[in-house]
Amino acid sequence: MPGGKQVIMGVVILVLVGLVLVVWQRFSGSQEPLLQEAVYVVRSGPLTIDVVESGTIKAREQLIIKNEVEGKTSILYLIPEGTQVKKGDLLVELDASALMDAKIDQEIKVQNARAAFVNATENLAVVENQAQSDLDLAKLTLEFARQDLKKYTDGEYPNALQKANAEITLAQEELARARERLEWSKTLYEEKFISQTELAADELAEKKKALDLSLAKNNLDLLVNYTNQRDLAQRKSDVSQAEMAMERTRRKARADVVQAGAELKAREAEFQRQNDRLEKILTQLEKTRIVSPADGLVIYATSAQGGMFRRNTEPLQEGQDIRERQELIYLPTASSSNAEIAIHESNLKKVGTGMPAKVTVDALPGREFSGRITHIAPLPDAQSIWMNPDLKVFTTQIFLDGNDSDMRTGMSCQAQIIIETHDNVLSVPVQAVLQVQGVPTVYVRSGGEFVPRPVEIGLDNNRMIHVKNGLAAGDIVLLTPPLA
């Protein structure tokens, strides 16, 4: 038994030693394992640098029928796809029930707006008339106040002043006469010709006349110093108040007319706005019936949109809800066609307008069509970015030579864009080239190991890359260069 244990221990030791050797060879710096890696023998031969993309055939000259009804609406009638139509034929009829209800409501609003506009027009005429009447009355009141002032200063006051002076003069004369009579009465009394009573009567008459004179003077003083100033100030104030009242009336009249005019303009604008909305609704109602603008073959827009952009597009059919500006039908007006493809941004630097292309159509096997690139979109396709933010493709148009009636809009196709053609050049698989500090490098077999060698490269076709310098025919390069 001790011998058996030693045998088992020996076997275990041998297994462990073998595992250590395997691990050491795998992770050591020896290049021997690389000899078993995948390699490629460099050779000289023809090379075509091209870009192959799928796309859709589209008519070069076509009319695009769009939905011009605002918002969302549903399709009540849709002409079958592939129908040959004449100009004026009904293509699509949309649901107009909501627009009919809106038309009735809008007609009521138009009538109300028209009534308000007429009322504002009449109100402006009334306000202008009332403003003129108020202004005329204010002018008349001012004129009367000025006339009253002039009448007082030039007539009433001088007359009153003259009357007061006349009363003083008369009172002075009567007082003088009364005093003479009193002196005479005193003489007669001394001589006993009149009685004491008669003398007293004359004395009383003299006093009365003196009081009348004093009262007349006081009246003159009151007229000059008080009554005149008060009446003059009152009449001047009446003139000033009439002037200010006329100015207020003028301003108020102008403000009322301006306000009535503004109200009229607002009502007119509202009437025009409501009428425009009614016209718009009527126009929208007309657009619910879409007729053919020309003779042509009916092709649904959803059928003409090819590639990955059709994945989230529901086929056009009756009962379907459609949005405003949505493309519904294409009407090709000629048999000439274009191929529309989407070029990935990684290939954008390789292609350019004017480059030749070969197009094959899935529905026409065995046939090849030549063409050239006429347009590359300056910005990536927005729908592709929306579906996949990391995918940026640029819509490219390929002009196809000749006219072929068998080629229909919406057919799937594949385009080969010829970038460069070489008869005899060196090339290697693209995975053999590694960028080392910005320098293209391949690992070339030298003796029993692979060593890095910088090379000068050209374009690639996503499979093979053109090697301009650095390699020779017969060199063996490593297809899996070390990433480190």
Protein backbone atom coordinates (compact mmCIF):
# COMPACT_ATOMS: atom_id res chain seq x y z
CA MET A 1 0.00 0.00 0.00
CA PRO A 2 2.80 2.49 0.67
CA GLY A 3 4.03 1.83 -2.83
CA GLY A 4 0.57 2.54 -4.26
CA LYS A 5 0.44 5.92 -2.51
CA GLN A 6 3.79 6.86 -3.99
CA VAL A 7 2.56 6.04 -7.48
CA ILE A 8 -0.53 8.20 -7.00
CA MET A 9 1.58 11.08 -5.68
CA GLY A 10 3.90 10.80 -8.69
CA VAL A 11 0.98 10.98 -11.11
CA VAL A 12 -0.42 14.06 -9.35
CA ILE A 13 2.99 15.75 -9.49
CA LEU A 14 3.29 15.02 -13.21
CA VAL A 15 -0.18 16.50 -13.88
CA LEU A 16 0.65 19.65 -11.92
CA VAL A 17 3.94 20.05 -13.75
CA GLY A 18 2.10 19.69 -17.08
CA LEU A 19 -0.44 22.35 -16.11
CA VAL A 20 2.31 24.74 -15.04
CA LEU A 21 4.09 24.27 -18.36
CA VAL A 22 0.90 24.95 -20.33
CA VAL A 23 0.16 28.11 -18.34
CA TRP A 24 3.75 29.28 -18.65
CA GLN A 25 3.74 28.83 -22.42
CA ARG A 26 0.39 30.63 -22.75
CA PHE A 27 1.37 33.75 -20.79
CA SER A 28 5.14 33.87 -21.40
CA GLY A 29 6.70 36.20 -23.98
CA SER A 30 7.44 33.33 -26.34
CA GLN A 31 6.11 33.83 -29.91
CA GLU A 32 5.78 30.12 -30.65
CA PRO A 33 1.98 30.00 -30.03
CA LEU A 34 1.50 32.79 -32.57
CA LEU A 35 2.61 30.43 -35.26
CA GLN A 36 -0.67 28.66 -34.84
CA GLU A 37 -2.72 31.90 -35.30
CA ALA A 38 -4.76 32.73 -38.48
CA VAL A 39 -2.59 34.29 -41.17
CA TYR A 40 -2.96 35.71 -44.68
CA VAL A 41 -0.48 35.46 -47.53
CA VAL A 42 -0.10 38.83 -49.28
CA ARG A 43 -0.63 38.61 -53.02
CA SER A 44 -1.04 40.94 -55.94
CA GLY A 45 -4.26 41.11 -57.91
CA PRO A 46 -7.28 43.15 -58.92
CA LEU A 47 -9.07 45.16 -56.24
CA THR A 48 -12.30 47.08 -56.39
CA ILE A 49 -13.04 49.66 -53.71
CA ASP A 50 -16.79 49.95 -53.46
CA VAL A 51 -19.65 50.63 -51.08
CA VAL A 52 -22.72 48.41 -51.22
CA GLU A 53 -25.97 49.71 -49.77
CA SER A 54 -29.61 48.71 -50.12
CA GLY A 55 -32.34 51.14 -51.05
CA THR A 56 -35.56 51.75 -52.94
CA ILE A 57 -36.45 52.60 -56.51
CA LYS A 58 -38.27 55.92 -56.86
CA ALA A 59 -39.62 57.74 -59.86
CA ARG A 60 -37.42 60.59 -60.93
CA GLU A 61 -40.37 62.76 -61.89
CA GLN A 62 -43.46 62.34 -59.77
CA LEU A 63 -46.22 64.25 -58.06
CA ILE A 64 -46.49 63.82 -54.30
CA ILE A 65 -50.04 63.92 -52.96
CA LYS A 66 -50.14 65.04 -49.32
CA ASN A 67 -52.86 65.42 -46.73
CA GLU A 68 -53.51 69.15 -46.33
CA VAL A 69 -56.25 68.86 -43.69
CA GLU A 70 -55.08 70.16 -40.32
CA GLY A 71 -54.73 67.84 -37.35
CA LYS A 72 -55.63 64.19 -37.62
CA THR A 73 -58.36 62.75 -39.81
CA SER A 74 -59.34 59.34 -41.07
CA ILE A 75 -59.61 57.95 -44.59
CA LEU A 76 -63.15 57.16 -45.76
CA TYR A 77 -62.26 56.20 -49.33
CA LEU A 78 -58.90 55.25 -50.85
CA ILE A 79 -58.37 54.38 -54.51
CA PRO A 80 -56.73 50.96 -54.97
CA GLU A 81 -52.97 51.02 -55.44
CA GLY A 82 -51.83 50.46 -59.02
CA THR A 83 -54.88 52.15 -60.57
CA GLN A 84 -54.22 54.17 -63.69
CA VAL A 85 -56.04 57.47 -63.08
CA LYS A 86 -56.92 60.49 -65.14
CA LYS A 87 -56.65 64.11 -64.09
CA GLY A 88 -59.56 64.98 -61.78
CA ASP A 89 -60.27 61.40 -60.60
CA LEU A 90 -61.00 61.01 -56.88
CA LEU A 91 -57.99 59.56 -55.07
CA VAL A 92 -58.79 59.97 -51.37
CA GLU A 93 -61.84 61.13 -49.42
CA LEU A 94 -61.30 62.09 -45.79
CA ASP A 95 -63.73 62.28 -42.89
CA ALA A 96 -65.27 65.79 -42.93
CA SER A 97 -67.81 65.45 -40.09
CA ALA A 98 -65.76 67.47 -37.60
CA LEU A 99 -65.18 70.18 -40.20
CA MET A 100 -68.91 70.33 -40.98
CA ASP A 101 -69.67 70.91 -37.29
CA ALA A 102 -66.93 73.52 -37.14
CA LYS A 103 -68.41 75.21 -40.24
CA ILE A 104 -71.83 75.59 -38.59
CA ASP A 105 -70.31 76.96 -35.38
CA GLN A 106 -68.11 79.34 -37.33
CA GLU A 107 -71.00 80.66 -39.40
CA ILE A 108 -72.76 81.62 -36.15
CA LYS A 109 -69.61 83.39 -34.95
CA VAL A 110 -69.36 85.24 -38.26
CA GLN A 111 -72.96 86.46 -37.94
CA ASN A 112 -72.36 87.65 -34.39
CA ALA A 113 -69.14 89.38 -35.42
CA ARG A 114 -70.92 91.04 -38.35
CA ALA A 115 -73.68 92.34 -36.02
CA ALA A 116 -71.10 93.69 -33.59
CA PHE A 117 -69.27 95.37 -36.48
CA VAL A 118 -72.46 97.06 -37.73
CA ASN A 119 -73.31 98.19 -34.19
CA ALA A 120 -69.83 99.64 -33.74
CA THR A 121 -70.19 101.49 -37.06
CA GLU A 122 -73.46 103.08 -35.97
CA ASN A 123 -72.12 103.83 -32.52
CA LEU A 124 -69.19 105.73 -34.04
CA ALA A 125 -71.63 107.93 -36.00
CA VAL A 126 -73.69 108.59 -32.82
CA VAL A 127 -70.59 109.41 -30.79
CA GLU A 128 -69.30 111.79 -33.46
CA ASN A 129 -72.69 113.54 -33.61
CA GLN A 130 -72.94 113.81 -29.81
CA ALA A 131 -69.36 115.03 -29.60
CA GLN A 132 -70.08 117.81 -32.12
CA SER A 133 -73.28 118.78 -30.26
CA ASP A 134 -71.49 118.93 -26.89
CA LEU A 135 -68.68 120.96 -28.41
CA ASP A 136 -71.11 123.45 -30.00
CA LEU A 137 -72.94 123.86 -26.67
CA ALA A 138 -69.63 124.45 -24.85
CA LYS A 139 -68.63 127.05 -27.44
CA LEU A 140 -71.99 128.81 -27.04
CA THR A 141 -71.68 128.81 -23.24
CA LEU A 142 -68.20 130.33 -23.51
CA GLU A 143 -69.40 132.96 -25.92
CA PHE A 144 -72.25 133.90 -23.58
CA ALA A 145 -69.84 134.14 -20.63
CA ARG A 146 -67.55 136.44 -22.60
CA GLN A 147 -70.51 138.58 -23.67
CA ASP A 148 -71.71 138.81 -20.03
CA LEU A 149 -68.23 139.95 -18.98
CA LYS A 150 -68.09 142.55 -21.71
CA LYS A 151 -71.66 143.68 -20.97
CA TYR A 152 -70.77 144.16 -17.31
CA THR A 153 -67.47 145.98 -17.86
CA ASP A 154 -68.73 148.13 -20.71
CA GLY A 155 -72.36 148.62 -19.67
CA GLU A 156 -73.71 147.46 -16.34
CA TYR A 157 -70.90 148.70 -14.14
CA PRO A 158 -70.49 152.12 -15.79
CA ASN A 159 -74.25 152.60 -15.61
CA ALA A 160 -74.34 151.61 -11.94
CA LEU A 161 -71.37 153.89 -11.22
CA GLN A 162 -73.03 156.79 -13.02
CA LYS A 163 -76.29 156.17 -11.19
CA ALA A 164 -74.50 156.13 -7.83
CA ASN A 165 -72.71 159.39 -8.63
CA ALA A 166 -75.99 160.92 -9.79
CA GLU A 167 -77.68 159.92 -6.55
CA ILE A 168 -74.85 161.57 -4.62
CA THR A 169 -75.15 164.74 -6.65
CA LEU A 170 -78.91 164.79 -6.19
CA ALA A 171 -78.56 164.11 -2.48
CA GLN A 172 -76.03 166.95 -2.18
CA GLU A 173 -78.35 169.37 -3.91
CA GLU A 174 -81.33 168.33 -1.81
CA LEU A 175 -79.20 168.66 1.32
CA ALA A 176 -78.15 172.16 0.28
CA ARG A 177 -81.76 173.12 -0.34
CA ALA A 178 -82.80 171.60 2.99
CA ARG A 179 -80.11 173.56 4.79
CA GLU A 180 -81.14 176.83 3.09
CA ARG A 181 -84.73 176.12 4.05
CA LEU A 182 -83.66 175.43 7.62
CA GLU A 183 -81.69 178.72 7.80
CA TRP A 184 -84.70 180.57 6.50
CA SER A 185 -86.97 178.74 8.91
CA LYS A 186 -84.72 179.72 11.80
CA THR A 187 -84.94 183.36 10.73
CA LEU A 188 -88.71 183.19 10.46
CA TYR A 189 -88.94 181.45 13.84
CA GLU A 190 -86.88 184.19 15.50
CA GLU A 191 -89.25 186.70 14.03
CA LYS A 192 -92.17 184.54 15.16
CA PHE A 193 -93.50 183.92 11.73
CA ILE A 194 -93.44 180.12 12.09
CA SER A 195 -93.92 177.89 14.97
CA GLN A 196 -91.49 175.68 16.82
CA THR A 197 -93.05 172.69 15.17
CA GLU A 198 -92.44 173.99 11.70
CA LEU A 199 -88.83 174.71 12.58
CA ALA A 200 -88.41 171.19 13.95
CA ALA A 201 -89.86 169.80 10.73
CA ASP A 202 -87.31 171.69 8.66
CA GLU A 203 -84.51 170.54 10.94
CA LEU A 204 -85.69 166.95 10.51
CA ALA A 205 -85.83 167.35 6.74
CA GLU A 206 -82.26 168.66 6.75
CA LYS A 207 -81.04 165.68 8.74
CA LYS A 208 -82.86 163.32 6.41
CA LYS A 209 -81.18 164.83 3.37
CA ALA A 210 -77.80 164.58 5.11
CA LEU A 211 -78.44 160.92 5.78
CA ASP A 212 -79.53 160.41 2.14
CA LEU A 213 -76.22 161.92 0.98
CA SER A 214 -74.24 159.73 3.36
CA LEU A 215 -76.18 156.68 2.16
CA ALA A 216 -75.54 157.57 -1.50
CA LYS A 217 -71.80 157.90 -0.81
CA ASN A 218 -71.82 154.57 1.00
CA ASN A 219 -73.61 152.97 -1.96
CA LEU A 220 -70.93 154.35 -4.30
CA ASP A 221 -68.21 152.99 -2.04
CA LEU A 222 -69.88 149.58 -1.92
CA LEU A 223 -70.28 149.57 -5.71
CA VAL A 224 -66.67 150.50 -6.40
CA ASN A 225 -64.89 148.53 -3.70
CA TYR A 226 -67.07 145.48 -3.26
CA THR A 227 -69.97 144.90 -5.66
CA ASN A 228 -67.91 145.70 -8.77
CA GLN A 229 -64.97 143.53 -7.77
CA ARG A 230 -67.26 140.64 -6.87
CA ASP A 231 -69.34 140.85 -10.03
CA LEU A 232 -66.25 141.33 -12.21
CA ALA A 233 -64.50 138.35 -10.60
CA GLN A 234 -67.66 136.26 -10.97
CA ARG A 235 -67.98 137.04 -14.67
CA LYS A 236 -64.26 136.46 -15.29
CA SER A 237 -64.60 133.17 -13.45
CA ASP A 238 -67.59 132.29 -15.62
CA VAL A 239 -65.48 132.92 -18.72
CA SER A 240 -62.58 130.82 -17.35
CA GLN A 241 -64.92 128.02 -16.32
CA ALA A 242 -66.55 128.07 -19.74
CA GLU A 243 -63.14 127.91 -21.42
CA MET A 244 -62.09 124.94 -19.29
CA ALA A 245 -65.46 123.30 -19.82
CA MET A 246 -65.06 123.70 -23.56
CA GLU A 247 -61.56 122.19 -23.39
CA ARG A 248 -62.89 119.29 -21.33
CA THR A 249 -65.72 118.85 -23.80
CA ARG A 250 -63.28 118.94 -26.71
CA ARG A 251 -60.97 116.37 -25.11
CA LYS A 252 -63.85 114.14 -24.06
CA ALA A 253 -65.37 114.36 -27.52
CA ARG A 254 -62.04 113.47 -29.10
CA ALA A 255 -61.52 110.61 -26.65
CA ASP A 256 -65.04 109.29 -27.23
CA VAL A 257 -64.56 109.40 -30.99
CA VAL A 258 -61.16 107.72 -30.75
CA GLN A 259 -62.55 105.03 -28.46
CA ALA A 260 -65.53 104.47 -30.73
CA GLY A 261 -63.16 104.33 -33.71
CA ALA A 262 -60.92 101.83 -31.93
CA GLU A 263 -63.94 99.75 -31.02
CA LEU A 264 -65.02 99.84 -34.66
CA LYS A 265 -61.57 98.72 -35.83
CA ALA A 266 -61.53 95.94 -33.23
CA ARG A 267 -64.99 94.74 -34.30
CA GLU A 268 -63.96 94.95 -37.94
CA ALA A 269 -60.78 92.96 -37.25
CA GLU A 270 -62.76 90.39 -35.28
CA PHE A 271 -65.30 90.11 -38.08
CA GLN A 272 -62.50 89.69 -40.62
CA ARG A 273 -60.78 87.10 -38.41
CA GLN A 274 -63.93 85.07 -37.98
CA ASN A 275 -64.68 85.34 -41.69
CA ASP A 276 -61.12 84.20 -42.51
CA ARG A 277 -61.57 81.23 -40.20
CA LEU A 278 -64.78 80.36 -42.00
CA GLU A 279 -62.99 80.61 -45.34
CA LYS A 280 -60.24 78.40 -43.97
CA ILE A 281 -62.76 75.80 -42.82
CA LEU A 282 -64.43 75.87 -46.23
CA THR A 283 -61.01 75.41 -47.85
CA GLN A 284 -60.27 72.54 -45.49
CA LEU A 285 -63.60 70.97 -46.44
CA GLU A 286 -62.60 71.15 -50.09
CA LYS A 287 -59.30 69.45 -49.26
CA THR A 288 -61.07 66.44 -47.76
CA ARG A 289 -61.65 65.33 -51.35
CA ILE A 290 -58.26 64.76 -52.95
CA VAL A 291 -58.36 64.45 -56.73
CA SER A 292 -55.61 63.55 -59.15
CA PRO A 293 -53.72 66.61 -60.46
CA ALA A 294 -52.56 64.68 -63.55
CA ASP A 295 -52.70 61.33 -65.31
CA GLY A 296 -50.59 58.65 -63.69
CA LEU A 297 -50.24 55.37 -61.81
CA VAL A 298 -51.33 55.35 -58.15
CA ILE A 299 -48.54 54.31 -55.76
CA TYR A 300 -49.04 54.53 -52.02
CA ALA A 301 -46.36 56.54 -50.22
CA THR A 302 -46.00 53.77 -47.65
CA SER A 303 -45.16 51.34 -50.46
CA ALA A 304 -42.58 53.68 -51.96
CA GLN A 305 -40.76 54.14 -48.66
CA GLY A 306 -38.31 51.31 -48.58
CA GLY A 307 -35.66 49.94 -46.27
CA MET A 308 -35.68 50.17 -42.53
CA PHE A 309 -37.86 53.29 -42.56
CA ARG A 310 -40.97 51.18 -43.28
CA ARG A 311 -40.76 49.22 -40.06
CA ASN A 312 -42.88 51.65 -38.06
CA THR A 313 -45.08 52.73 -40.97
CA GLU A 314 -48.56 51.28 -41.17
CA PRO A 315 -49.68 50.46 -44.73
CA LEU A 316 -52.09 53.02 -46.14
CA GLN A 317 -55.69 51.81 -45.98
CA GLU A 318 -59.26 52.97 -45.48
CA GLY A 319 -60.14 53.83 -41.87
CA GLN A 320 -56.56 54.75 -41.06
CA ASP A 321 -55.85 57.98 -39.18
CA ILE A 322 -53.46 60.28 -41.00
CA ARG A 323 -51.76 63.50 -39.95
CA GLU A 324 -51.35 66.84 -41.65
CA ARG A 325 -48.68 67.04 -44.38
CA GLN A 326 -48.41 63.26 -44.47
CA GLU A 327 -47.50 61.88 -47.91
CA LEU A 328 -50.26 59.68 -49.21
CA ILE A 329 -49.83 58.91 -52.91
CA TYR A 330 -47.06 59.19 -55.49
CA LEU A 331 -48.00 59.76 -59.13
CA PRO A 332 -45.03 59.06 -61.41
CA THR A 333 -45.19 61.28 -64.48
CA ALA A 334 -42.34 59.58 -66.42
CA SER A 335 -40.74 56.13 -66.71
CA SER A 336 -37.29 57.35 -65.60
CA SER A 337 -36.21 56.28 -62.11
CA ASN A 338 -33.70 56.95 -59.36
CA ALA A 339 -32.32 54.68 -56.69
CA GLU A 340 -32.49 56.12 -53.20
CA ILE A 341 -30.04 54.59 -50.74
CA ALA A 342 -28.79 55.43 -47.25
CA ILE A 343 -25.01 55.71 -46.85
CA HIS A 344 -23.57 55.16 -43.38
CA GLU A 345 -21.47 57.97 -41.99
CA SER A 346 -18.38 55.72 -41.93
CA ASN A 347 -18.52 55.50 -45.75
CA LEU A 348 -19.37 59.15 -46.33
CA LYS A 349 -15.75 60.22 -46.85
CA LYS A 350 -15.33 57.63 -49.62
CA VAL A 351 -18.25 58.58 -51.85
CA GLY A 352 -19.03 61.74 -53.76
CA THR A 353 -21.35 63.03 -56.43
CA GLY A 354 -20.60 61.83 -59.95
CA MET A 355 -19.30 58.41 -58.85
CA PRO A 356 -20.55 55.47 -60.93
CA ALA A 357 -22.87 52.88 -59.44
CA LYS A 358 -24.32 49.52 -60.42
CA VAL A 359 -27.86 48.83 -59.26
CA THR A 360 -29.67 45.51 -59.09
CA VAL A 361 -33.39 45.25 -58.42
CA ASP A 362 -34.74 42.34 -56.38
CA ALA A 363 -37.87 42.10 -58.54
CA LEU A 364 -35.79 41.99 -61.76
CA PRO A 365 -33.22 39.21 -61.18
CA GLY A 366 -30.32 38.89 -63.61
CA ARG A 367 -30.48 42.53 -64.70
CA GLU A 368 -28.06 45.27 -63.76
CA PHE A 369 -28.58 49.01 -64.21
CA SER A 370 -25.85 51.61 -64.36
CA GLY A 371 -26.05 55.05 -62.88
CA ARG A 372 -24.19 57.78 -61.03
CA ILE A 373 -24.55 59.64 -57.73
CA THR A 374 -26.32 62.98 -58.20
CA HIS A 375 -27.01 64.09 -54.64
CA ILE A 376 -25.88 63.33 -51.09
CA ALA A 377 -27.90 64.84 -48.26
CA PRO A 378 -25.86 67.38 -46.23
CA LEU A 379 -27.41 66.17 -42.94
CA PRO A 380 -28.18 62.70 -41.63
CA ASP A 381 -31.69 61.34 -42.00
CA ALA A 382 -33.79 62.54 -39.06
CA GLN A 383 -36.05 59.48 -39.01
CA SER A 384 -33.13 57.09 -38.74
CA ILE A 385 -31.71 59.12 -35.85
CA TRP A 386 -35.10 59.04 -34.13
CA MET A 387 -35.30 55.25 -34.51
CA ASN A 388 -31.66 54.71 -33.50
CA PRO A 389 -29.66 57.70 -32.17
CA ASP A 390 -26.40 55.82 -32.76
CA LEU A 391 -27.20 55.24 -36.45
CA LYS A 392 -26.54 58.15 -38.78
CA VAL A 393 -27.12 57.62 -42.48
CA PHE A 394 -27.22 60.12 -45.33
CA THR A 395 -29.87 59.84 -48.03
CA THR A 396 -28.21 59.53 -51.45
CA GLN A 397 -29.79 59.72 -54.91
CA ILE A 398 -28.46 57.61 -57.79
CA PHE A 399 -29.48 58.67 -61.29
CA LEU A 400 -30.22 55.54 -63.34
CA ASP A 401 -29.40 55.60 -67.03
CA GLY A 402 -32.17 54.82 -69.50
CA ASN A 403 -35.88 54.29 -68.97
CA ASP A 404 -37.25 50.87 -68.09
CA SER A 405 -41.00 50.39 -67.82
CA ASP A 406 -40.51 47.22 -65.74
CA MET A 407 -38.95 49.24 -62.94
CA ARG A 408 -41.60 50.46 -60.49
CA THR A 409 -41.53 52.88 -57.62
CA GLY A 410 -41.07 51.13 -54.28
CA MET A 411 -39.04 48.16 -55.56
CA SER A 412 -36.15 47.13 -53.34
CA CYS A 413 -32.70 47.46 -54.83
CA GLN A 414 -29.02 47.17 -54.02
CA ALA A 415 -26.47 49.70 -55.22
CA GLN A 416 -22.74 49.11 -55.63
CA ILE A 417 -20.91 52.43 -55.70
CA ILE A 418 -17.56 52.07 -57.51
CA ILE A 419 -14.99 54.24 -55.76
CA GLU A 420 -11.69 52.90 -57.13
CA THR A 421 -10.72 50.05 -59.48
CA HIS A 422 -7.17 48.59 -59.49
CA ASP A 423 -5.88 45.91 -61.87
CA ASN A 424 -2.84 44.71 -59.91
CA VAL A 425 -2.25 45.93 -56.35
CA LEU A 426 -1.43 44.46 -52.96
CA SER A 427 -4.23 44.11 -50.44
CA VAL A 428 -4.84 42.50 -47.07
CA PRO A 429 -7.97 41.94 -44.97
CA VAL A 430 -8.96 45.04 -43.02
CA GLN A 431 -8.63 43.21 -39.68
CA ALA A 432 -4.92 42.69 -40.31
CA VAL A 433 -4.19 46.44 -40.09
CA LEU A 434 -3.78 47.96 -36.66
CA GLN A 435 -3.25 51.61 -35.74
CA VAL A 436 -0.17 51.89 -33.56
CA GLN A 437 0.25 55.45 -32.30
CA GLY A 438 -1.65 56.65 -35.35
CA VAL A 439 0.47 54.68 -37.82
CA PRO A 440 -1.10 51.81 -39.84
CA THR A 441 0.75 48.66 -38.82
CA VAL A 442 0.61 44.97 -39.74
CA TYR A 443 2.30 42.04 -38.04
CA VAL A 444 4.51 40.23 -40.59
CA ARG A 445 6.07 36.80 -40.09
CA SER A 446 9.82 37.03 -39.70
CA GLY A 447 11.50 33.76 -38.88
CA GLY A 448 9.59 32.09 -36.10
CA GLU A 449 7.70 35.16 -34.91
CA PHE A 450 5.49 38.03 -36.09
CA VAL A 451 6.93 41.53 -35.93
CA PRO A 452 5.08 44.86 -36.43
CA ARG A 453 5.72 46.71 -39.68
CA PRO A 454 4.31 50.17 -40.58
CA VAL A 455 2.58 50.33 -43.95
CA GLU A 456 1.05 52.94 -46.22
CA ILE A 457 -2.59 52.15 -46.95
CA GLY A 458 -5.33 53.39 -49.27
CA LEU A 459 -9.08 52.90 -49.19
CA ASP A 460 -10.93 49.74 -48.22
CA ASN A 461 -14.16 48.08 -49.28
CA ASN A 462 -14.97 46.91 -45.76
CA ARG A 463 -13.32 43.58 -46.60
CA MET A 464 -9.92 44.23 -48.17
CA ILE A 465 -7.69 47.28 -47.81
CA HIS A 466 -5.27 48.59 -50.40
CA VAL A 467 -1.62 48.47 -49.25
CA LYS A 468 0.46 51.02 -51.17
CA ASN A 469 3.82 50.48 -49.50
CA GLY A 470 5.43 48.37 -46.78
CA LEU A 471 4.55 44.84 -47.93
CA ALA A 472 5.56 42.51 -50.74
CA ALA A 473 3.80 39.63 -52.43
CA GLY A 474 4.30 36.45 -50.43
CA ASP A 475 4.55 38.15 -47.02
CA ILE A 476 2.56 36.38 -44.32
CA VAL A 477 0.59 38.74 -42.07
CA LEU A 478 -1.24 38.01 -38.88
CA LEU A 479 -5.03 38.34 -39.07
CA THR A 480 -5.37 38.75 -35.32
CA PRO A 481 -2.69 41.25 -34.32
CA PRO A 482 -2.22 41.76 -30.57
CA LEU A 483 -4.28 44.70 -29.36
CA ALA A 484 -1.66 45.63 -26.79
